[in-house]
PDB file of all heavy atoms in Angstrom:
ATOM      1  N   LEU A   1       7.304-111.603  24.869  1.00  0.00           N
ATOM      2  CA  LEU A   1       8.642-111.142  25.167  1.00  0.00           C
ATOM      3  C   LEU A   1       8.621-109.839  25.943  1.00  0.00           C
ATOM      4  O   LEU A   1       9.313-109.652  26.946  1.00  0.00           O
ATOM      5  CB  LEU A   1       9.442-110.998  23.897  1.00  0.00           C
ATOM      6  CG  LEU A   1      10.909-110.602  24.018  1.00  0.00           C
ATOM      7  CD1 LEU A   1      11.685-111.603  24.854  1.00  0.00           C
ATOM      8  CD2 LEU A   1      11.530-110.443  22.640  1.00  0.00           C
ATOM      9  N   THR A   2       7.793-108.901  25.490  1.00  0.00           N
ATOM     10  CA  THR A   2       7.639-107.591  26.182  1.00  0.00           C
ATOM     11  C   THR A   2       7.150-107.802  27.611  1.00  0.00           C
ATOM     12  O   THR A   2       7.677-107.163  28.539  1.00  0.00           O
ATOM     13  CB  THR A   2       6.712-106.691  25.387  1.00  0.00           C
ATOM     14  OG1 THR A   2       7.281-106.479  24.119  1.00  0.00           O
ATOM     15  CG2 THR A   2       6.521-105.365  26.076  1.00  0.00           C
ATOM     16  N   ALA A   3       6.185-108.658  27.826  1.00  0.00           N
ATOM     17  CA  ALA A   3       5.656-108.924  29.157  1.00  0.00           C
ATOM     18  C   ALA A   3       6.743-109.545  30.015  1.00  0.00           C
ATOM     19  O   ALA A   3       6.854-109.250  31.208  1.00  0.00           O
ATOM     20  CB  ALA A   3       4.434-109.819  29.058  1.00  0.00           C
ATOM     21  N   GLY A   4       7.582-110.432  29.469  1.00  0.00           N
ATOM     22  CA  GLY A   4       8.668-111.066  30.195  1.00  0.00           C
ATOM     23  C   GLY A   4       9.711-110.017  30.597  1.00  0.00           C
ATOM     24  O   GLY A   4      10.229-110.052  31.737  1.00  0.00           O
ATOM     25  N   GLU A   5      10.034-109.112  29.682  1.00  0.00           N
ATOM     26  CA  GLU A   5      10.990-108.022  29.967  1.00  0.00           C
ATOM     27  C   GLU A   5      10.448-107.186  31.122  1.00  0.00           C
ATOM     28  O   GLU A   5      11.189-106.812  32.072  1.00  0.00           O
ATOM     29  CB  GLU A   5      11.196-107.164  28.740  1.00  0.00           C
ATOM     30  CG  GLU A   5      11.890-107.872  27.647  1.00  0.00           C
ATOM     31  CD  GLU A   5      11.867-107.147  26.285  1.00  0.00           C
ATOM     32  OE1 GLU A   5      11.132-106.130  26.173  1.00  0.00           O
ATOM     33  OE2 GLU A   5      12.559-107.582  25.378  1.00  0.00           O
ATOM     34  N   ARG A   6       9.164-106.878  31.089  1.00  0.00           N
ATOM     35  CA  ARG A   6       8.549-106.037  32.171  1.00  0.00           C
ATOM     36  C   ARG A   6       8.634-106.809  33.474  1.00  0.00           C
ATOM     37  O   ARG A   6       8.984-106.206  34.522  1.00  0.00           O
ATOM     38  CB  ARG A   6       7.103-105.745  31.769  1.00  0.00           C
ATOM     39  CG  ARG A   6       6.402-104.765  32.695  1.00  0.00           C
ATOM     40  CD  ARG A   6       5.051-104.288  32.201  1.00  0.00           C
ATOM     41  NE  ARG A   6       4.196-105.308  31.560  1.00  0.00           N
ATOM     42  CZ  ARG A   6       4.010-105.414  30.274  1.00  0.00           C
ATOM     43  NH1 ARG A   6       4.568-104.586  29.383  1.00  0.00           N
ATOM     44  NH2 ARG A   6       3.226-106.408  29.752  1.00  0.00           N
ATOM     45  N   ALA A   7       8.356-108.101  33.508  1.00  0.00           N
ATOM     46  CA  ALA A   7       8.424-108.876  34.750  1.00  0.00           C
ATOM     47  C   ALA A   7       9.837-108.891  35.286  1.00  0.00           C
ATOM     48  O   ALA A   7      10.036-108.740  36.512  1.00  0.00           O
ATOM     49  CB  ALA A   7       7.911-110.307  34.501  1.00  0.00           C
ATOM     50  N   ALA A   8      10.828-109.086  34.408  1.00  0.00           N
ATOM     51  CA  ALA A   8      12.231-109.111  34.872  1.00  0.00           C
ATOM     52  C   ALA A   8      12.564-107.756  35.470  1.00  0.00           C
ATOM     53  O   ALA A   8      13.234-107.680  36.506  1.00  0.00           O
ATOM     54  CB  ALA A   8      13.142-109.424  33.688  1.00  0.00           C
ATOM     55  N   ARG A   9      12.180-106.681  34.799  1.00  0.00           N
ATOM     56  CA  ARG A   9      12.464-105.291  35.286  1.00  0.00           C
ATOM     57  C   ARG A   9      11.810-105.083  36.661  1.00  0.00           C
ATOM     58  O   ARG A   9      12.405-104.524  37.573  1.00  0.00           O
ATOM     59  CB  ARG A   9      11.954-104.297  34.273  1.00  0.00           C
ATOM     60  CG  ARG A   9      12.659-102.961  34.304  1.00  0.00           C
ATOM     61  CD  ARG A   9      12.284-102.011  33.142  1.00  0.00           C
ATOM     62  NE  ARG A   9      10.988-102.153  32.578  1.00  0.00           N
ATOM     63  CZ  ARG A   9      10.725-102.711  31.363  1.00  0.00           C
ATOM     64  NH1 ARG A   9      11.700-103.197  30.591  1.00  0.00           N
ATOM     65  NH2 ARG A   9       9.504-102.806  30.911  1.00  0.00           N
ATOM     66  N   GLU A  10      10.561-105.547  36.841  1.00  0.00           N
ATOM     67  CA  GLU A  10       9.857-105.414  38.110  1.00  0.00           C
ATOM     68  C   GLU A  10      10.553-106.187  39.254  1.00  0.00           C
ATOM     69  O   GLU A  10      10.370-105.852  40.417  1.00  0.00           O
ATOM     70  CB  GLU A  10       8.423-105.910  37.953  1.00  0.00           C
ATOM     71  CG  GLU A  10       7.540-104.969  37.116  1.00  0.00           C
ATOM     72  CD  GLU A  10       6.215-105.569  36.782  1.00  0.00           C
ATOM     73  OE1 GLU A  10       5.897-106.755  37.104  1.00  0.00           O
ATOM     74  OE2 GLU A  10       5.398-104.885  36.103  1.00  0.00           O
ATOM     75  N   HIS A  11      11.340-107.167  38.849  1.00  0.00           N
ATOM     76  CA  HIS A  11      12.124-107.941  39.872  1.00  0.00           C
ATOM     77  C   HIS A  11      13.570-107.441  39.975  1.00  0.00           C
ATOM     78  O   HIS A  11      14.440-108.118  40.553  1.00  0.00           O
ATOM     79  CB  HIS A  11      12.097-109.434  39.532  1.00  0.00           C
ATOM     80  CG  HIS A  11      10.804-110.092  39.908  1.00  0.00           C
ATOM     81  ND1 HIS A  11       9.695-110.106  39.036  1.00  0.00           N
ATOM     82  CD2 HIS A  11      10.445-110.727  41.008  1.00  0.00           C
ATOM     83  CE1 HIS A  11       8.718-110.743  39.631  1.00  0.00           C
ATOM     84  NE2 HIS A  11       9.148-111.131  40.818  1.00  0.00           N
ATOM     85  N   GLY A  12      13.852-106.272  39.457  1.00  0.00           N
ATOM     86  CA  GLY A  12      15.157-105.656  39.631  1.00  0.00           C
ATOM     87  C   GLY A  12      16.154-105.812  38.495  1.00  0.00           C
ATOM     88  O   GLY A  12      17.241-105.253  38.599  1.00  0.00           O
ATOM     89  N   ALA A  13      15.822-106.546  37.451  1.00  0.00           N
ATOM     90  CA  ALA A  13      16.784-106.730  36.332  1.00  0.00           C
ATOM     91  C   ALA A  13      16.924-105.461  35.531  1.00  0.00           C
ATOM     92  O   ALA A  13      15.961-104.747  35.325  1.00  0.00           O
ATOM     93  CB  ALA A  13      16.317-107.873  35.429  1.00  0.00           C
ATOM     94  N   GLN A  14      18.125-105.199  35.087  1.00  0.00           N
ATOM     95  CA  GLN A  14      18.427-104.041  34.264  1.00  0.00           C
ATOM     96  C   GLN A  14      18.653-104.458  32.820  1.00  0.00           C
ATOM     97  O   GLN A  14      18.727-103.591  31.919  1.00  0.00           O
ATOM     98  CB  GLN A  14      19.644-103.280  34.811  1.00  0.00           C
ATOM     99  CG  GLN A  14      19.408-102.778  36.206  1.00  0.00           C
ATOM    100  CD  GLN A  14      20.716-102.478  36.928  1.00  0.00           C
ATOM    101  OE1 GLN A  14      21.791-102.842  36.455  1.00  0.00           O
ATOM    102  NE2 GLN A  14      20.615-101.898  38.105  1.00  0.00           N
ATOM    103  N   ALA A  15      18.821-105.756  32.616  1.00  0.00           N
ATOM    104  CA  ALA A  15      19.033-106.275  31.250  1.00  0.00           C
ATOM    105  C   ALA A  15      18.495-107.709  31.237  1.00  0.00           C
ATOM    106  O   ALA A  15      18.314-108.336  32.276  1.00  0.00           O
ATOM    107  CB  ALA A  15      20.524-106.293  30.915  1.00  0.00           C
ATOM    108  N   LEU A  16      18.258-108.195  30.015  1.00  0.00           N
ATOM    109  CA  LEU A  16      17.818-109.558  29.823  1.00  0.00           C
ATOM    110  C   LEU A  16      18.589-110.193  28.715  1.00  0.00           C
ATOM    111  O   LEU A  16      18.737-109.570  27.638  1.00  0.00           O
ATOM    112  CB  LEU A  16      16.313-109.596  29.518  1.00  0.00           C
ATOM    113  CG  LEU A  16      15.640-110.946  29.335  1.00  0.00           C
ATOM    114  CD1 LEU A  16      15.742-111.759  30.663  1.00  0.00           C
ATOM    115  CD2 LEU A  16      14.158-110.791  28.983  1.00  0.00           C
ATOM    116  N   GLU A  17      19.163-111.338  28.959  1.00  0.00           N
ATOM    117  CA  GLU A  17      19.983-112.015  27.954  1.00  0.00           C
ATOM    118  C   GLU A  17      19.312-113.381  27.644  1.00  0.00           C
ATOM    119  O   GLU A  17      18.535-113.923  28.436  1.00  0.00           O
ATOM    120  CB  GLU A  17      21.414-112.211  28.449  1.00  0.00           C
ATOM    121  CG  GLU A  17      22.416-112.613  27.409  1.00  0.00           C
ATOM    122  CD  GLU A  17      23.834-112.557  27.935  1.00  0.00           C
ATOM    123  OE1 GLU A  17      24.381-111.481  28.002  1.00  0.00           O
ATOM    124  OE2 GLU A  17      24.344-113.652  28.255  1.00  0.00           O
ATOM    125  N   LEU A  18      19.635-113.928  26.504  1.00  0.00           N
ATOM    126  CA  LEU A  18      19.087-115.205  26.084  1.00  0.00           C
ATOM    127  C   LEU A  18      20.034-115.881  25.108  1.00  0.00           C
ATOM    128  O   LEU A  18      20.950-115.292  24.606  1.00  0.00           O
ATOM    129  CB  LEU A  18      17.708-115.041  25.447  1.00  0.00           C
ATOM    130  CG  LEU A  18      17.628-114.053  24.237  1.00  0.00           C
ATOM    131  CD1 LEU A  18      17.938-114.711  22.925  1.00  0.00           C
ATOM    132  CD2 LEU A  18      16.230-113.414  24.201  1.00  0.00           C
ATOM    133  N   ASN A  19      19.730-117.151  24.838  1.00  0.00           N
ATOM    134  CA  ASN A  19      20.450-117.888  23.815  1.00  0.00           C
ATOM    135  C   ASN A  19      19.427-118.333  22.759  1.00  0.00           C
ATOM    136  O   ASN A  19      18.311-118.663  23.105  1.00  0.00           O
ATOM    137  CB  ASN A  19      21.097-119.144  24.415  1.00  0.00           C
ATOM    138  CG  ASN A  19      21.808-119.977  23.356  1.00  0.00           C
ATOM    139  OD1 ASN A  19      22.838-119.571  22.793  1.00  0.00           O
ATOM    140  ND2 ASN A  19      21.304-121.108  23.040  1.00  0.00           N
ATOM    141  N   VAL A  20      19.823-118.307  21.499  1.00  0.00           N
ATOM    142  CA  VAL A  20      18.944-118.764  20.453  1.00  0.00           C
ATOM    143  C   VAL A  20      19.750-119.648  19.553  1.00  0.00           C
ATOM    144  O   VAL A  20      20.888-119.338  19.188  1.00  0.00           O
ATOM    145  CB  VAL A  20      18.259-117.583  19.692  1.00  0.00           C
ATOM    146  CG1 VAL A  20      19.276-116.712  19.018  1.00  0.00           C
ATOM    147  CG2 VAL A  20      17.272-118.130  18.676  1.00  0.00           C
ATOM    148  N   PHE A  21      19.185-120.800  19.194  1.00  0.00           N
ATOM    149  CA  PHE A  21      19.853-121.706  18.251  1.00  0.00           C
ATOM    150  C   PHE A  21      19.880-121.088  16.898  1.00  0.00           C
ATOM    151  O   PHE A  21      18.905-120.484  16.440  1.00  0.00           O
ATOM    152  CB  PHE A  21      19.187-123.076  18.264  1.00  0.00           C
ATOM    153  CG  PHE A  21      19.464-123.896  19.486  1.00  0.00           C
ATOM    154  CD1 PHE A  21      18.595-123.905  20.519  1.00  0.00           C
ATOM    155  CD2 PHE A  21      20.611-124.674  19.548  1.00  0.00           C
ATOM    156  CE1 PHE A  21      18.847-124.642  21.677  1.00  0.00           C
ATOM    157  CE2 PHE A  21      20.890-125.407  20.690  1.00  0.00           C
ATOM    158  CZ  PHE A  21      20.031-125.404  21.749  1.00  0.00           C
ATOM    159  N   GLY A  22      20.999-121.288  16.195  1.00  0.00           N
ATOM    160  CA  GLY A  22      21.173-120.634  14.866  1.00  0.00           C
ATOM    161  C   GLY A  22      20.142-121.025  13.839  1.00  0.00           C
ATOM    162  O   GLY A  22      19.787-120.233  13.006  1.00  0.00           O
ATOM    163  N   ALA A  23      19.585-122.236  13.946  1.00  0.00           N
ATOM    164  CA  ALA A  23      18.606-122.682  12.961  1.00  0.00           C
ATOM    165  C   ALA A  23      17.223-122.096  13.250  1.00  0.00           C
ATOM    166  O   ALA A  23      16.355-122.203  12.395  1.00  0.00           O
ATOM    167  CB  ALA A  23      18.524-124.208  12.952  1.00  0.00           C
ATOM    168  N   ASN A  24      17.022-121.440  14.368  1.00  0.00           N
ATOM    169  CA  ASN A  24      15.723-120.879  14.713  1.00  0.00           C
ATOM    170  C   ASN A  24      15.583-119.473  14.185  1.00  0.00           C
ATOM    171  O   ASN A  24      15.641-118.490  14.906  1.00  0.00           O
ATOM    172  CB  ASN A  24      15.508-120.941  16.237  1.00  0.00           C
ATOM    173  CG  ASN A  24      14.053-120.705  16.617  1.00  0.00           C
ATOM    174  OD1 ASN A  24      13.291-120.180  15.866  1.00  0.00           O
ATOM    175  ND2 ASN A  24      13.729-121.127  17.803  1.00  0.00           N
ATOM    176  N   GLU A  25      15.370-119.411  12.861  1.00  0.00           N
ATOM    177  CA  GLU A  25      15.320-118.102  12.187  1.00  0.00           C
ATOM    178  C   GLU A  25      14.180-117.217  12.669  1.00  0.00           C
ATOM    179  O   GLU A  25      14.377-115.992  12.863  1.00  0.00           O
ATOM    180  CB  GLU A  25      15.126-118.388  10.687  1.00  0.00           C
ATOM    181  CG  GLU A  25      15.362-117.188   9.794  1.00  0.00           C
ATOM    182  CD  GLU A  25      16.872-116.800   9.693  1.00  0.00           C
ATOM    183  OE1 GLU A  25      17.739-117.682   9.805  1.00  0.00           O
ATOM    184  OE2 GLU A  25      17.147-115.593   9.555  1.00  0.00           O
ATOM    185  N   THR A  26      13.019-117.766  12.958  1.00  0.00           N
ATOM    186  CA  THR A  26      11.887-116.966  13.426  1.00  0.00           C
ATOM    187  C   THR A  26      12.218-116.313  14.746  1.00  0.00           C
ATOM    188  O   THR A  26      11.989-115.091  14.953  1.00  0.00           O
ATOM    189  CB  THR A  26      10.660-117.864  13.612  1.00  0.00           C
ATOM    190  OG1 THR A  26      10.340-118.458  12.334  1.00  0.00           O
ATOM    191  CG2 THR A  26       9.459-117.092  14.080  1.00  0.00           C
ATOM    192  N   ALA A  27      12.781-117.052  15.699  1.00  0.00           N
ATOM    193  CA  ALA A  27      13.132-116.490  17.006  1.00  0.00           C
ATOM    194  C   ALA A  27      14.236-115.451  16.879  1.00  0.00           C
ATOM    195  O   ALA A  27      14.196-114.371  17.477  1.00  0.00           O
ATOM    196  CB  ALA A  27      13.571-117.570  17.947  1.00  0.00           C
ATOM    197  N   ARG A  28      15.254-115.722  16.062  1.00  0.00           N
ATOM    198  CA  ARG A  28      16.369-114.780  15.836  1.00  0.00           C
ATOM    199  C   ARG A  28      15.812-113.429  15.327  1.00  0.00           C
ATOM    200  O   ARG A  28      16.215-112.390  15.821  1.00  0.00           O
ATOM    201  CB  ARG A  28      17.418-115.322  14.895  1.00  0.00           C
ATOM    202  CG  ARG A  28      18.251-116.368  15.583  1.00  0.00           C
ATOM    203  CD  ARG A  28      19.455-116.901  14.745  1.00  0.00           C
ATOM    204  NE  ARG A  28      19.866-116.079  13.685  1.00  0.00           N
ATOM    205  CZ  ARG A  28      20.063-116.465  12.446  1.00  0.00           C
ATOM    206  NH1 ARG A  28      19.831-117.760  12.156  1.00  0.00           N
ATOM    207  NH2 ARG A  28      20.484-115.685  11.514  1.00  0.00           N
TER     208      ARG A  28
END
């Protein structure tokens, strides 16, 4: 996740959003 945030930032993103299914407790 941290590496993905860094890649998004390197491509100009200032924020990163996502969707997570409610039943996916580990991901949440």
